Amino acid sequence: MTPHLPMHLWPVLMVALAFVGCSRQPQLDQFEGFAQGTSYHISWWSASPVDGAALDRDLTREFARIDGQISNYREDSAIARFNANLTSVKQPVGAEIVSLVEQARVVSRASGGCYDLTIKPLFDLWGFMGDKLIPPDEAALRHALAIVGMERLETLDGTHLRKGLPILRVDLSSIGQGYSVGRIAHLLEQRGITNYLAEIGGELQTRGHKPGGVPWRVAVEKPLPGEQRVEKIITIARDEPLAVMTSGTYRHYFDFQGRRYSHILDARTGKPVEHKTLLVTVLHPDPTQADAWSTALLCLGREAGLPVADRFGIAAIFIEEGQGGLTEFSSQPLARLDGIKIDLIQ
């Protein structure tokens, strides 16, 4: 799946890896490359022998398989065929896509409709799929809003969907990268690897620890345009799987006639969000859900999103820009998350 910029911004998360200090300890192995329009990095180790070449081949095949299901940039993908079929009859899409739609539907409802998989006509209208902003007039905006809405996407059973409008289009980018991370983690675990960090385009999942019991550490960059400095370090000292997913407004935006427009659109209004929240990081055991929640909470912004995160038990960090600089807010579930330490870098 090639990621597209609008609905799912993927800020840089840098992985800090320790050198193995004792020759008797297992070595940390790494795979890296390009897939889904971005880079990936996988660090892992195992006390038992693992065929690294076979694992690398499996990873490549899995990336290609996922692309064939949910990419909006491949005309032959399952979701692209669904979108291109201008009908309201029952369509087979497979269990994976139905599951992603239903998980996104829960998050969409929790966000009051701010987050929505069918928002693509609005991105096209504003010009966010290209390189030039095109602020639409109210008539065009109303027309686009009329063909957007998760309520117009019906799940009939475990493998079939139906459009309420024939021209409805589904974009899984805002949840698909997290799903991909989860699938890669699953491949590692199938081979008995329970100590790893799997990262795709800055979205990641960890399990276990580095050799010698050293915890995984993840650096999150400062959420300001033009900045490439570390804002905080998240130390993950827990053996259970944990996903870290971040969405932000600070990398992709347009300046037009003295005004800045975020690429994050509110599906309820069809317009870019205007709040001051620059970044939301979600920590969650499930990378698919973490991906969707980070996008939804960024869409809502800190003021509306923090109560939602508290209500639904989502561990989240909001970073907001104000007159005095950056301010950080955390949801209540974050404090209850075991084995997590977050250090601010001055």
C-alpha atoms as a PDB file:
ATOM      1  CA  MET A   1       0.000   0.000   0.000  1.00  0.00           C
ATOM      2  CA  THR A   2       1.503   3.286  -1.042  1.00  0.00           C
ATOM      3  CA  PRO A   3       0.715   5.828   1.693  1.00  0.00           C
ATOM      4  CA  HIS A   4      -0.879   9.064   0.640  1.00  0.00           C
ATOM      5  CA  LEU A   5      -0.186  12.241   2.547  1.00  0.00           C
ATOM      6  CA  PRO A   6      -3.596  13.676   3.459  1.00  0.00           C
ATOM      7  CA  MET A   7      -5.314  11.411   5.920  1.00  0.00           C
ATOM      8  CA  HIS A   8      -2.495   9.701   7.351  1.00  0.00           C
ATOM      9  CA  LEU A   9       0.609  11.750   8.112  1.00  0.00           C
ATOM     10  CA  TRP A  10       3.433   9.614   9.278  1.00  0.00           C
ATOM     11  CA  PRO A  11       6.088  11.670  11.248  1.00  0.00           C
ATOM     12  CA  VAL A  12       9.638  10.330  11.722  1.00  0.00           C
ATOM     13  CA  LEU A  13      10.210   8.059  14.735  1.00  0.00           C
ATOM     14  CA  MET A  14      13.897   7.143  15.196  1.00  0.00           C
ATOM     15  CA  VAL A  15      14.894   3.838  16.745  1.00  0.00           C
ATOM     16  CA  ALA A  16      17.786   3.931  19.229  1.00  0.00           C
ATOM     17  CA  LEU A  17      19.637   0.623  19.208  1.00  0.00           C
ATOM     18  CA  ALA A  18      22.327  -0.443  21.695  1.00  0.00           C
ATOM     19  CA  PHE A  19      25.475  -2.314  20.633  1.00  0.00           C
ATOM     20  CA  VAL A  20      25.818  -5.799  22.025  1.00  0.00           C
ATOM     21  CA  GLY A  21      28.420  -5.600  24.770  1.00  0.00           C
ATOM     22  CA  CYS A  22      29.010  -9.287  25.400  1.00  0.00           C
ATOM     23  CA  SER A  23      29.919 -11.775  22.699  1.00  0.00           C
ATOM     24  CA  ARG A  24      27.937 -14.481  24.473  1.00  0.00           C
ATOM     25  CA  GLN A  25      24.707 -12.540  24.040  1.00  0.00           C
ATOM     26  CA  PRO A  26      22.547 -13.055  20.945  1.00  0.00           C
ATOM     27  CA  GLN A  27      23.210 -10.562  18.192  1.00  0.00           C
ATOM     28  CA  LEU A  28      20.668  -7.988  17.080  1.00  0.00           C
ATOM     29  CA  ASP A  29      19.719  -8.613  13.442  1.00  0.00           C
ATOM     30  CA  GLN A  30      18.197  -5.996  11.168  1.00  0.00           C
ATOM     31  CA  PHE A  31      16.260  -5.847   7.920  1.00  0.00           C
ATOM     32  CA  GLU A  32      15.598  -2.607   6.118  1.00  0.00           C
ATOM     33  CA  GLY A  33      14.258  -1.551   2.745  1.00  0.00           C
ATOM     34  CA  PHE A  34      11.441   0.207   0.936  1.00  0.00           C
ATOM     35  CA  ALA A  35       7.812  -0.855   0.680  1.00  0.00           C
ATOM     36  CA  GLN A  36       4.425   0.824   0.464  1.00  0.00           C
ATOM     37  CA  GLY A  37       6.031   4.065  -0.683  1.00  0.00           C
ATOM     38  CA  THR A  38       8.186   4.429   2.416  1.00  0.00           C
ATOM     39  CA  SER A  39      11.067   2.801   4.294  1.00  0.00           C
ATOM     40  CA  TYR A  40      10.914   0.007   6.816  1.00  0.00           C
ATOM     41  CA  HIS A  41      13.316  -1.136   9.542  1.00  0.00           C
ATOM     42  CA  ILE A  42      13.020  -4.355  11.502  1.00  0.00           C
ATOM     43  CA  SER A  43      15.322  -5.160  14.426  1.00  0.00           C
ATOM     44  CA  TRP A  44      15.100  -8.560  16.107  1.00  0.00           C
ATOM     45  CA  TRP A  45      16.963 -11.291  17.909  1.00  0.00           C
ATOM     46  CA  SER A  46      16.269 -14.832  18.935  1.00  0.00           C
ATOM     47  CA  ALA A  47      17.962 -17.327  21.224  1.00  0.00           C
ATOM     48  CA  SER A  48      17.012 -20.050  18.732  1.00  0.00           C
ATOM     49  CA  PRO A  49      18.306 -20.281  15.121  1.00  0.00           C
ATOM     50  CA  VAL A  50      16.245 -18.402  12.532  1.00  0.00           C
ATOM     51  CA  ASP A  51      16.630 -18.630   8.749  1.00  0.00           C
ATOM     52  CA  GLY A  52      17.125 -14.931   8.077  1.00  0.00           C
ATOM     53  CA  ALA A  53      17.056 -15.244   4.296  1.00  0.00           C
ATOM     54  CA  ALA A  54      13.737 -17.091   4.373  1.00  0.00           C
ATOM     55  CA  LEU A  55      12.322 -14.533   6.788  1.00  0.00           C
ATOM     56  CA  ASP A  56      13.387 -11.693   4.497  1.00  0.00           C
ATOM     57  CA  ARG A  57      11.632 -13.376   1.561  1.00  0.00           C
ATOM     58  CA  ASP A  58       8.483 -13.834   3.648  1.00  0.00           C
ATOM     59  CA  LEU A  59       8.506 -10.146   4.574  1.00  0.00           C
ATOM     60  CA  THR A  60       8.787  -9.118   0.921  1.00  0.00           C
ATOM     61  CA  ARG A  61       5.910 -11.397  -0.060  1.00  0.00           C
ATOM     62  CA  GLU A  62       3.741 -10.106   2.770  1.00  0.00           C
ATOM     63  CA  PHE A  63       4.277  -6.480   1.789  1.00  0.00           C
ATOM     64  CA  ALA A  64       3.244  -7.349  -1.772  1.00  0.00           C
ATOM     65  CA  ARG A  65       0.207  -9.292  -0.582  1.00  0.00           C
ATOM     66  CA  ILE A  66      -1.017  -6.430   1.615  1.00  0.00           C
ATOM     67  CA  ASP A  67      -0.509  -4.025  -1.283  1.00  0.00           C
ATOM     68  CA  GLY A  68      -2.709  -6.234  -3.404  1.00  0.00           C
ATOM     69  CA  GLN A  69      -5.475  -5.897  -0.856  1.00  0.00           C
ATOM     70  CA  ILE A  70      -5.576  -2.300   0.357  1.00  0.00           C
ATOM     71  CA  SER A  71      -3.486  -0.055  -1.913  1.00  0.00           C
ATOM     72  CA  ASN A  72      -5.337   2.863  -3.479  1.00  0.00           C
ATOM     73  CA  TYR A  73      -2.454   3.293  -5.918  1.00  0.00           C
ATOM     74  CA  ARG A  74      -2.898  -0.068  -7.609  1.00  0.00           C
ATOM     75  CA  GLU A  75      -5.844  -0.439  -9.949  1.00  0.00           C
ATOM     76  CA  ASP A  76      -5.875  -4.182  -9.367  1.00  0.00           C
ATOM     77  CA  SER A  77      -5.997  -4.074  -5.548  1.00  0.00           C
ATOM     78  CA  ALA A  78      -9.132  -5.379  -3.867  1.00  0.00           C
ATOM     79  CA  ILE A  79     -10.082  -1.965  -2.461  1.00  0.00           C
ATOM     80  CA  ALA A  80      -9.386  -0.200  -5.764  1.00  0.00           C
ATOM     81  CA  ARG A  81     -11.672  -2.645  -7.572  1.00  0.00           C
ATOM     82  CA  PHE A  82     -14.358  -2.028  -4.965  1.00  0.00           C
ATOM     83  CA  ASN A  83     -14.049   1.730  -5.436  1.00  0.00           C
ATOM     84  CA  ALA A  84     -14.072   1.497  -9.235  1.00  0.00           C
ATOM     85  CA  ASN A  85     -17.214  -0.635  -9.291  1.00  0.00           C
ATOM     86  CA  LEU A  86     -19.916   2.040  -9.419  1.00  0.00           C
ATOM     87  CA  THR A  87     -22.748   0.040  -7.972  1.00  0.00           C
ATOM     88  CA  SER A  88     -24.722  -0.376  -4.783  1.00  0.00           C
ATOM     89  CA  VAL A  89     -24.906  -4.146  -4.995  1.00  0.00           C
ATOM     90  CA  LYS A  90     -23.122  -6.535  -2.663  1.00  0.00           C
ATOM     91  CA  GLN A  91     -19.394  -6.800  -3.399  1.00  0.00           C
ATOM     92  CA  PRO A  92     -16.814  -9.334  -2.159  1.00  0.00           C
ATOM     93  CA  VAL A  93     -13.746  -7.675  -0.639  1.00  0.00           C
ATOM     94  CA  GLY A  94     -12.403 -10.334   1.711  1.00  0.00           C
ATOM     95  CA  ALA A  95     -12.169 -10.678   5.465  1.00  0.00           C
ATOM     96  CA  GLU A  96      -9.152  -8.386   5.894  1.00  0.00           C
ATOM     97  CA  ILE A  97     -10.818  -5.339   4.365  1.00  0.00           C
ATOM     98  CA  VAL A  98     -14.086  -5.936   6.214  1.00  0.00           C
ATOM     99  CA  SER A  99     -12.170  -6.173   9.492  1.00  0.00           C
ATOM    100  CA  LEU A 100     -10.318  -2.915   8.794  1.00  0.00           C
ATOM    101  CA  VAL A 101     -13.565  -1.142   7.896  1.00  0.00           C
ATOM    102  CA  GLU A 102     -15.246  -2.313  11.091  1.00  0.00           C
ATOM    103  CA  GLN A 103     -12.324  -1.306  13.287  1.00  0.00           C
ATOM    104  CA  ALA A 104     -12.271   2.111  11.620  1.00  0.00           C
ATOM    105  CA  ARG A 105     -16.027   2.401  12.047  1.00  0.00           C
ATOM    106  CA  VAL A 106     -15.706   2.098  15.826  1.00  0.00           C
ATOM    107  CA  VAL A 107     -13.100   4.868  15.886  1.00  0.00           C
ATOM    108  CA  SER A 108     -15.120   7.009  13.475  1.00  0.00           C
ATOM    109  CA  ARG A 109     -18.167   6.839  15.728  1.00  0.00           C
ATOM    110  CA  ALA A 110     -16.055   7.612  18.788  1.00  0.00           C
ATOM    111  CA  SER A 111     -14.739  10.726  17.006  1.00  0.00           C
ATOM    112  CA  GLY A 112     -18.241  11.878  16.130  1.00  0.00           C
ATOM    113  CA  GLY A 113     -17.477  11.406  12.427  1.00  0.00           C
ATOM    114  CA  CYS A 114     -14.354  13.573  12.349  1.00  0.00           C
ATOM    115  CA  TYR A 115     -12.386  10.493  11.239  1.00  0.00           C
ATOM    116  CA  ASP A 116     -13.846   8.785   8.161  1.00  0.00           C
ATOM    117  CA  LEU A 117     -12.487   6.297   5.607  1.00  0.00           C
ATOM    118  CA  THR A 118     -14.626   7.752   2.798  1.00  0.00           C
ATOM    119  CA  ILE A 119     -13.095  11.239   2.931  1.00  0.00           C
ATOM    120  CA  LYS A 120     -11.046  11.001  -0.270  1.00  0.00           C
ATOM    121  CA  PRO A 121     -13.339  13.246  -2.408  1.00  0.00           C
ATOM    122  CA  LEU A 122     -12.599  16.076   0.019  1.00  0.00           C
ATOM    123  CA  PHE A 123      -8.839  15.614  -0.284  1.00  0.00           C
ATOM    124  CA  ASP A 124      -9.127  15.669  -4.043  1.00  0.00           C
ATOM    125  CA  LEU A 125     -11.287  18.795  -3.873  1.00  0.00           C
ATOM    126  CA  TRP A 126      -8.774  20.696  -1.731  1.00  0.00           C
ATOM    127  CA  GLY A 127      -5.862  19.618  -3.904  1.00  0.00           C
ATOM    128  CA  PHE A 128      -4.016  17.752  -1.165  1.00  0.00           C
ATOM    129  CA  MET A 129      -3.371  14.841  -3.510  1.00  0.00           C
ATOM    130  CA  GLY A 130      -1.337  17.172  -5.727  1.00  0.00           C
ATOM    131  CA  ASP A 131       1.123  19.965  -5.047  1.00  0.00           C
ATOM    132  CA  LYS A 132      -1.199  22.952  -5.090  1.00  0.00           C
ATOM    133  CA  LEU A 133      -3.903  23.978  -2.641  1.00  0.00           C
ATOM    134  CA  ILE A 134      -7.284  24.729  -4.196  1.00  0.00           C
ATOM    135  CA  PRO A 135      -9.648  26.201  -1.567  1.00  0.00           C
ATOM    136  CA  PRO A 136     -13.099  25.170  -2.805  1.00  0.00           C
ATOM    137  CA  ASP A 137     -16.215  27.290  -2.891  1.00  0.00           C
ATOM    138  CA  GLU A 138     -19.141  26.388  -0.655  1.00  0.00           C
ATOM    139  CA  ALA A 139     -21.142  24.738  -3.447  1.00  0.00           C
ATOM    140  CA  ALA A 140     -18.288  22.394  -4.331  1.00  0.00           C
ATOM    141  CA  LEU A 141     -17.714  21.648  -0.650  1.00  0.00           C
ATOM    142  CA  ARG A 142     -21.370  20.734  -0.133  1.00  0.00           C
ATOM    143  CA  HIS A 143     -21.276  18.455  -3.164  1.00  0.00           C
ATOM    144  CA  ALA A 144     -18.200  16.602  -1.886  1.00  0.00           C
ATOM    145  CA  LEU A 145     -19.655  16.255   1.614  1.00  0.00           C
ATOM    146  CA  ALA A 146     -22.746  14.670   0.096  1.00  0.00           C
ATOM    147  CA  ILE A 147     -20.675  11.702  -1.093  1.00  0.00           C
ATOM    148  CA  VAL A 148     -18.718  11.205   2.141  1.00  0.00           C
ATOM    149  CA  GLY A 149     -19.802   9.267   5.207  1.00  0.00           C
ATOM    150  CA  MET A 150     -19.092   5.925   6.890  1.00  0.00           C
ATOM    151  CA  GLU A 151     -22.828   5.466   7.347  1.00  0.00           C
ATOM    152  CA  ARG A 152     -23.007   5.023   3.568  1.00  0.00           C
ATOM    153  CA  LEU A 153     -20.664   2.011   3.745  1.00  0.00           C
ATOM    154  CA  GLU A 154     -22.515  -1.127   4.791  1.00  0.00           C
ATOM    155  CA  THR A 155     -20.924  -4.328   6.068  1.00  0.00           C
ATOM    156  CA  LEU A 156     -23.087  -7.254   5.005  1.00  0.00           C
ATOM    157  CA  ASP A 157     -21.041 -10.135   6.404  1.00  0.00           C
ATOM    158  CA  GLY A 158     -17.446 -11.121   7.097  1.00  0.00           C
ATOM    159  CA  THR A 159     -16.318 -10.745   3.484  1.00  0.00           C
ATOM    160  CA  HIS A 160     -18.777  -8.403   1.731  1.00  0.00           C
ATOM    161  CA  LEU A 161     -19.435  -4.649   1.674  1.00  0.00           C
ATOM    162  CA  ARG A 162     -22.054  -2.525  -0.048  1.00  0.00           C
ATOM    163  CA  LYS A 163     -22.001   1.149  -0.959  1.00  0.00           C
ATOM    164  CA  GLY A 164     -24.963   3.312  -0.110  1.00  0.00           C
ATOM    165  CA  LEU A 165     -23.836   5.515  -3.002  1.00  0.00           C
ATOM    166  CA  PRO A 166     -22.285   3.975  -6.134  1.00  0.00           C
ATOM    167  CA  ILE A 167     -19.547   6.643  -6.242  1.00  0.00           C
ATOM    168  CA  LEU A 168     -18.480   6.128  -2.611  1.00  0.00           C
ATOM    169  CA  ARG A 169     -14.737   5.532  -2.262  1.00  0.00           C
ATOM    170  CA  VAL A 170     -12.895   3.923   0.642  1.00  0.00           C
ATOM    171  CA  ASP A 171      -9.341   4.918   1.554  1.00  0.00           C
ATOM    172  CA  LEU A 172      -7.604   2.624   4.050  1.00  0.00           C
ATOM    173  CA  SER A 173      -4.376   4.637   4.332  1.00  0.00           C
ATOM    174  CA  SER A 174      -5.213   5.932   7.796  1.00  0.00           C
ATOM    175  CA  ILE A 175      -5.382   2.426   9.205  1.00  0.00           C
ATOM    176  CA  GLY A 176      -3.479   0.321   6.685  1.00  0.00           C
ATOM    177  CA  GLN A 177       0.037   1.178   7.803  1.00  0.00           C
ATOM    178  CA  GLY A 178      -0.698   0.106  11.351  1.00  0.00           C
ATOM    179  CA  TYR A 179      -2.226  -3.078   9.976  1.00  0.00           C
ATOM    180  CA  SER A 180       0.932  -3.699   7.953  1.00  0.00           C
ATOM    181  CA  VAL A 181       3.072  -3.294  11.061  1.00  0.00           C
ATOM    182  CA  GLY A 182       0.898  -5.844  12.820  1.00  0.00           C
ATOM    183  CA  ARG A 183       1.183  -8.308   9.951  1.00  0.00           C
ATOM    184  CA  ILE A 184       4.980  -8.031   9.912  1.00  0.00           C
ATOM    185  CA  ALA A 185       5.061  -8.551  13.678  1.00  0.00           C
ATOM    186  CA  HIS A 186       2.882 -11.622  13.210  1.00  0.00           C
ATOM    187  CA  LEU A 187       5.362 -13.050  10.691  1.00  0.00           C
ATOM    188  CA  LEU A 188       8.198 -12.601  13.168  1.00  0.00           C
ATOM    189  CA  GLU A 189       6.242 -14.294  15.921  1.00  0.00           C
ATOM    190  CA  GLN A 190       5.350 -17.202  13.636  1.00  0.00           C
ATOM    191  CA  ARG A 191       9.072 -17.921  13.431  1.00  0.00           C
ATOM    192  CA  GLY A 192       9.416 -17.843  17.206  1.00  0.00           C
ATOM    193  CA  ILE A 193      10.839 -14.303  17.378  1.00  0.00           C
ATOM    194  CA  THR A 194       9.468 -12.597  20.472  1.00  0.00           C
ATOM    195  CA  ASN A 195      12.013  -9.779  20.759  1.00  0.00           C
ATOM    196  CA  TYR A 196      11.683  -7.233  17.985  1.00  0.00           C
ATOM    197  CA  LEU A 197      10.969  -3.716  16.858  1.00  0.00           C
ATOM    198  CA  ALA A 198       9.107  -3.516  13.534  1.00  0.00           C
ATOM    199  CA  GLU A 199       8.789  -0.045  11.968  1.00  0.00           C
ATOM    200  CA  ILE A 200       7.224   1.072   8.695  1.00  0.00           C
ATOM    201  CA  GLY A 201       7.320   4.756   7.793  1.00  0.00           C
ATOM    202  CA  GLY A 202       7.707   5.752  11.440  1.00  0.00           C
ATOM    203  CA  GLU A 203       4.842   3.594  12.712  1.00  0.00           C
ATOM    204  CA  LEU A 204       6.031   0.741  14.878  1.00  0.00           C
ATOM    205  CA  GLN A 205       5.436  -2.119  17.259  1.00  0.00           C
ATOM    206  CA  THR A 206       7.787  -3.568  19.851  1.00  0.00           C
ATOM    207  CA  ARG A 207       7.819  -6.773  21.806  1.00  0.00           C
ATOM    208  CA  GLY A 208      10.281  -8.028  24.389  1.00  0.00           C
ATOM    209  CA  HIS A 209      13.615  -6.227  24.620  1.00  0.00           C
ATOM    210  CA  LYS A 210      17.068  -5.913  23.090  1.00  0.00           C
ATOM    211  CA  PRO A 211      19.806  -8.430  23.943  1.00  0.00           C
ATOM    212  CA  GLY A 212      20.886  -8.252  27.551  1.00  0.00           C
ATOM    213  CA  GLY A 213      17.444  -7.148  28.725  1.00  0.00           C
ATOM    214  CA  VAL A 214      17.928  -3.584  27.453  1.00  0.00           C
ATOM    215  CA  PRO A 215      14.521  -1.979  26.703  1.00  0.00           C
ATOM    216  CA  TRP A 216      13.567  -0.654  23.315  1.00  0.00           C
ATOM    217  CA  ARG A 217      13.812   3.135  23.066  1.00  0.00           C
ATOM    218  CA  VAL A 218      11.939   5.235  20.529  1.00  0.00           C
ATOM    219  CA  ALA A 219      12.624   8.888  19.756  1.00  0.00           C
ATOM    220  CA  VAL A 220       9.826  11.198  18.608  1.00  0.00           C
ATOM    221  CA  GLU A 221      10.846  14.298  16.700  1.00  0.00           C
ATOM    222  CA  LYS A 222       9.951  17.861  17.589  1.00  0.00           C
ATOM    223  CA  PRO A 223       6.631  18.713  15.883  1.00  0.00           C
ATOM    224  CA  LEU A 224       7.566  21.993  14.219  1.00  0.00           C
ATOM    225  CA  PRO A 225       8.022  22.783  10.512  1.00  0.00           C
ATOM    226  CA  GLY A 226      11.662  22.724   9.519  1.00  0.00           C
ATOM    227  CA  GLU A 227      12.741  21.022  12.740  1.00  0.00           C
ATOM    228  CA  GLN A 228      14.405  17.612  12.796  1.00  0.00           C
ATOM    229  CA  ARG A 229      15.292  17.354  16.451  1.00  0.00           C
ATOM    230  CA  VAL A 230      14.257  14.854  19.076  1.00  0.00           C
ATOM    231  CA  GLU A 231      11.387  15.999  21.278  1.00  0.00           C
ATOM    232  CA  LYS A 232      11.120  13.009  23.607  1.00  0.00           C
ATOM    233  CA  ILE A 233      12.364   9.485  24.203  1.00  0.00           C
ATOM    234  CA  ILE A 234       9.907   6.689  24.952  1.00  0.00           C
ATOM    235  CA  THR A 235      11.512   3.788  26.819  1.00  0.00           C
ATOM    236  CA  ILE A 236       9.479   0.572  26.529  1.00  0.00           C
ATOM    237  CA  ALA A 237      10.425  -1.791  29.358  1.00  0.00           C
ATOM    238  CA  ARG A 238       7.722  -4.417  28.896  1.00  0.00           C
ATOM    239  CA  ASP A 239       7.634  -7.795  27.179  1.00  0.00           C
ATOM    240  CA  GLU A 240       4.075  -7.537  25.841  1.00  0.00           C
ATOM    241  CA  PRO A 241       3.526  -6.112  22.326  1.00  0.00           C
ATOM    242  CA  LEU A 242       3.069  -2.355  22.177  1.00  0.00           C
ATOM    243  CA  ALA A 243       2.466  -0.161  19.147  1.00  0.00           C
ATOM    244  CA  VAL A 244       3.565   3.475  18.975  1.00  0.00           C
ATOM    245  CA  MET A 245       1.726   5.424  16.278  1.00  0.00           C
ATOM    246  CA  THR A 246       2.028   9.163  15.626  1.00  0.00           C
ATOM    247  CA  SER A 247       0.015  11.555  13.461  1.00  0.00           C
ATOM    248  CA  GLY A 248       0.895  15.216  12.987  1.00  0.00           C
ATOM    249  CA  THR A 249       0.006  18.379  11.108  1.00  0.00           C
ATOM    250  CA  TYR A 250       3.449  19.962  11.051  1.00  0.00           C
ATOM    251  CA  ARG A 251       5.032  18.277   8.026  1.00  0.00           C
ATOM    252  CA  HIS A 252       2.407  18.634   5.311  1.00  0.00           C
ATOM    253  CA  TYR A 253       0.369  21.792   4.872  1.00  0.00           C
ATOM    254  CA  PHE A 254      -0.223  24.630   2.432  1.00  0.00           C
ATOM    255  CA  ASP A 255       0.213  28.364   2.907  1.00  0.00           C
ATOM    256  CA  PHE A 256      -2.317  30.267   0.820  1.00  0.00           C
ATOM    257  CA  GLN A 257      -2.945  34.038   0.865  1.00  0.00           C
ATOM    258  CA  GLY A 258      -1.355  34.436   4.282  1.00  0.00           C
ATOM    259  CA  ARG A 259      -3.166  31.515   5.865  1.00  0.00           C
ATOM    260  CA  ARG A 260      -1.887  28.034   6.705  1.00  0.00           C
ATOM    261  CA  TYR A 261      -4.062  25.031   5.875  1.00  0.00           C
ATOM    262  CA  SER A 262      -3.446  21.682   7.551  1.00  0.00           C
ATOM    263  CA  HIS A 263      -3.780  18.542   5.442  1.00  0.00           C
ATOM    264  CA  ILE A 264      -5.932  17.038   8.214  1.00  0.00           C
ATOM    265  CA  LEU A 265      -9.553  17.415   7.162  1.00  0.00           C
ATOM    266  CA  ASP A 266     -12.566  17.149   9.421  1.00  0.00           C
ATOM    267  CA  ALA A 267     -15.013  14.877   7.600  1.00  0.00           C
ATOM    268  CA  ARG A 268     -17.936  16.613   9.315  1.00  0.00           C
ATOM    269  CA  THR A 269     -17.151  20.030   7.832  1.00  0.00           C
ATOM    270  CA  GLY A 270     -15.008  19.096   4.856  1.00  0.00           C
ATOM    271  CA  LYS A 271     -12.450  21.703   5.930  1.00  0.00           C
ATOM    272  CA  PRO A 272      -8.918  21.581   7.390  1.00  0.00           C
ATOM    273  CA  VAL A 273      -8.814  21.473  11.165  1.00  0.00           C
ATOM    274  CA  GLU A 274      -8.036  24.795  12.850  1.00  0.00           C
ATOM    275  CA  HIS A 275      -7.020  23.722  16.340  1.00  0.00           C
ATOM    276  CA  LYS A 276      -3.483  24.114  17.701  1.00  0.00           C
ATOM    277  CA  THR A 277      -2.692  20.422  18.180  1.00  0.00           C
ATOM    278  CA  LEU A 278       0.415  19.548  16.174  1.00  0.00           C
ATOM    279  CA  LEU A 279       0.931  15.913  17.082  1.00  0.00           C
ATOM    280  CA  VAL A 280      -0.785  12.948  18.677  1.00  0.00           C
ATOM    281  CA  THR A 281       1.066   9.787  19.682  1.00  0.00           C
ATOM    282  CA  VAL A 282      -0.937   6.723  20.667  1.00  0.00           C
ATOM    283  CA  LEU A 283       0.470   3.749  22.582  1.00  0.00           C
ATOM    284  CA  HIS A 284      -1.704   0.666  22.201  1.00  0.00           C
ATOM    285  CA  PRO A 285      -1.301  -3.134  22.137  1.00  0.00           C
ATOM    286  CA  ASP A 286      -2.927  -3.298  18.678  1.00  0.00           C
ATOM    287  CA  PRO A 287      -1.099  -1.389  15.896  1.00  0.00           C
ATOM    288  CA  THR A 288      -4.154  -1.259  13.638  1.00  0.00           C
ATOM    289  CA  GLN A 289      -6.258   0.422  16.274  1.00  0.00           C
ATOM    290  CA  ALA A 290      -3.375   2.663  17.328  1.00  0.00           C
ATOM    291  CA  ASP A 291      -3.052   3.907  13.749  1.00  0.00           C
ATOM    292  CA  ALA A 292      -6.723   4.777  13.426  1.00  0.00           C
ATOM    293  CA  TRP A 293      -6.872   6.380  16.875  1.00  0.00           C
ATOM    294  CA  SER A 294      -3.830   8.602  16.301  1.00  0.00           C
ATOM    295  CA  THR A 295      -5.467  10.011  13.163  1.00  0.00           C
ATOM    296  CA  ALA A 296      -8.870  10.431  14.803  1.00  0.00           C
ATOM    297  CA  LEU A 297      -7.508  12.145  17.900  1.00  0.00           C
ATOM    298  CA  LEU A 298      -5.418  14.501  15.787  1.00  0.00           C
ATOM    299  CA  CYS A 299      -8.535  15.344  13.793  1.00  0.00           C
ATOM    300  CA  LEU A 300     -10.382  16.180  17.014  1.00  0.00           C
ATOM    301  CA  GLY A 301      -7.489  18.094  18.565  1.00  0.00           C
ATOM    302  CA  ARG A 302      -6.516  18.169  22.210  1.00  0.00           C
ATOM    303  CA  GLU A 303      -9.550  19.956  23.593  1.00  0.00           C
ATOM    304  CA  ALA A 304     -12.114  17.569  22.090  1.00  0.00           C
ATOM    305  CA  GLY A 305      -9.822  14.551  21.724  1.00  0.00           C
ATOM    306  CA  LEU A 306      -8.472  14.220  25.248  1.00  0.00           C
ATOM    307  CA  PRO A 307     -11.881  13.431  26.811  1.00  0.00           C
ATOM    308  CA  VAL A 308     -12.498  10.901  24.019  1.00  0.00           C
ATOM    309  CA  ALA A 309      -9.153   9.207  24.694  1.00  0.00           C
ATOM    310  CA  ASP A 310      -9.982   9.030  28.408  1.00  0.00           C
ATOM    311  CA  ARG A 311     -13.458   7.637  27.732  1.00  0.00           C
ATOM    312  CA  PHE A 312     -12.253   4.873  25.406  1.00  0.00           C
ATOM    313  CA  GLY A 313      -9.129   3.958  27.358  1.00  0.00           C
ATOM    314  CA  ILE A 314      -6.613   5.206  24.789  1.00  0.00           C
ATOM    315  CA  ALA A 315      -3.107   6.062  26.018  1.00  0.00           C
ATOM    316  CA  ALA A 316      -2.271   9.217  24.073  1.00  0.00           C
ATOM    317  CA  ILE A 317       0.050  12.207  24.100  1.00  0.00           C
ATOM    318  CA  PHE A 318      -1.099  15.518  22.590  1.00  0.00           C
ATOM    319  CA  ILE A 319       1.396  18.253  21.752  1.00  0.00           C
ATOM    320  CA  GLU A 320      -0.094  21.684  21.201  1.00  0.00           C
ATOM    321  CA  GLU A 321       1.383  24.950  19.987  1.00  0.00           C
ATOM    322  CA  GLY A 322       0.692  28.073  22.003  1.00  0.00           C
ATOM    323  CA  GLN A 323       2.093  31.549  22.554  1.00  0.00           C
ATOM    324  CA  GLY A 324       4.570  30.194  25.080  1.00  0.00           C
ATOM    325  CA  GLY A 325       5.765  27.370  22.840  1.00  0.00           C
ATOM    326  CA  LEU A 326       4.875  23.682  22.885  1.00  0.00           C
ATOM    327  CA  THR A 327       2.649  22.213  25.587  1.00  0.00           C
ATOM    328  CA  GLU A 328       2.122  18.511  26.208  1.00  0.00           C
ATOM    329  CA  PHE A 329      -1.050  16.846  27.478  1.00  0.00           C
ATOM    330  CA  SER A 330      -1.530  13.152  28.292  1.00  0.00           C
ATOM    331  CA  SER A 331      -4.642  11.025  28.589  1.00  0.00           C
ATOM    332  CA  GLN A 332      -5.368   9.277  31.878  1.00  0.00           C
ATOM    333  CA  PRO A 333      -4.790   5.752  30.453  1.00  0.00           C
ATOM    334  CA  LEU A 334      -1.187   6.675  29.617  1.00  0.00           C
ATOM    335  CA  ALA A 335      -0.337   6.905  33.323  1.00  0.00           C
ATOM    336  CA  ARG A 336      -1.723   3.405  33.828  1.00  0.00           C
ATOM    337  CA  LEU A 337       0.418   1.857  31.089  1.00  0.00           C
ATOM    338  CA  ASP A 338       3.039  -0.364  32.733  1.00  0.00           C
ATOM    339  CA  GLY A 339       6.682  -0.328  31.716  1.00  0.00           C
ATOM    340  CA  ILE A 340       6.654   3.002  29.887  1.00  0.00           C
ATOM    341  CA  LYS A 341       8.925   5.936  30.611  1.00  0.00           C
ATOM    342  CA  ILE A 342       8.751   9.158  28.619  1.00  0.00           C
ATOM    343  CA  ASP A 343      11.588  11.674  28.850  1.00  0.00           C
ATOM    344  CA  LEU A 344      11.407  15.145  27.360  1.00  0.00           C
ATOM    345  CA  ILE A 345      14.582  16.231  25.574  1.00  0.00           C
ATOM    346  CA  GLN A 346      15.404  19.879  26.221  1.00  0.00           C
END
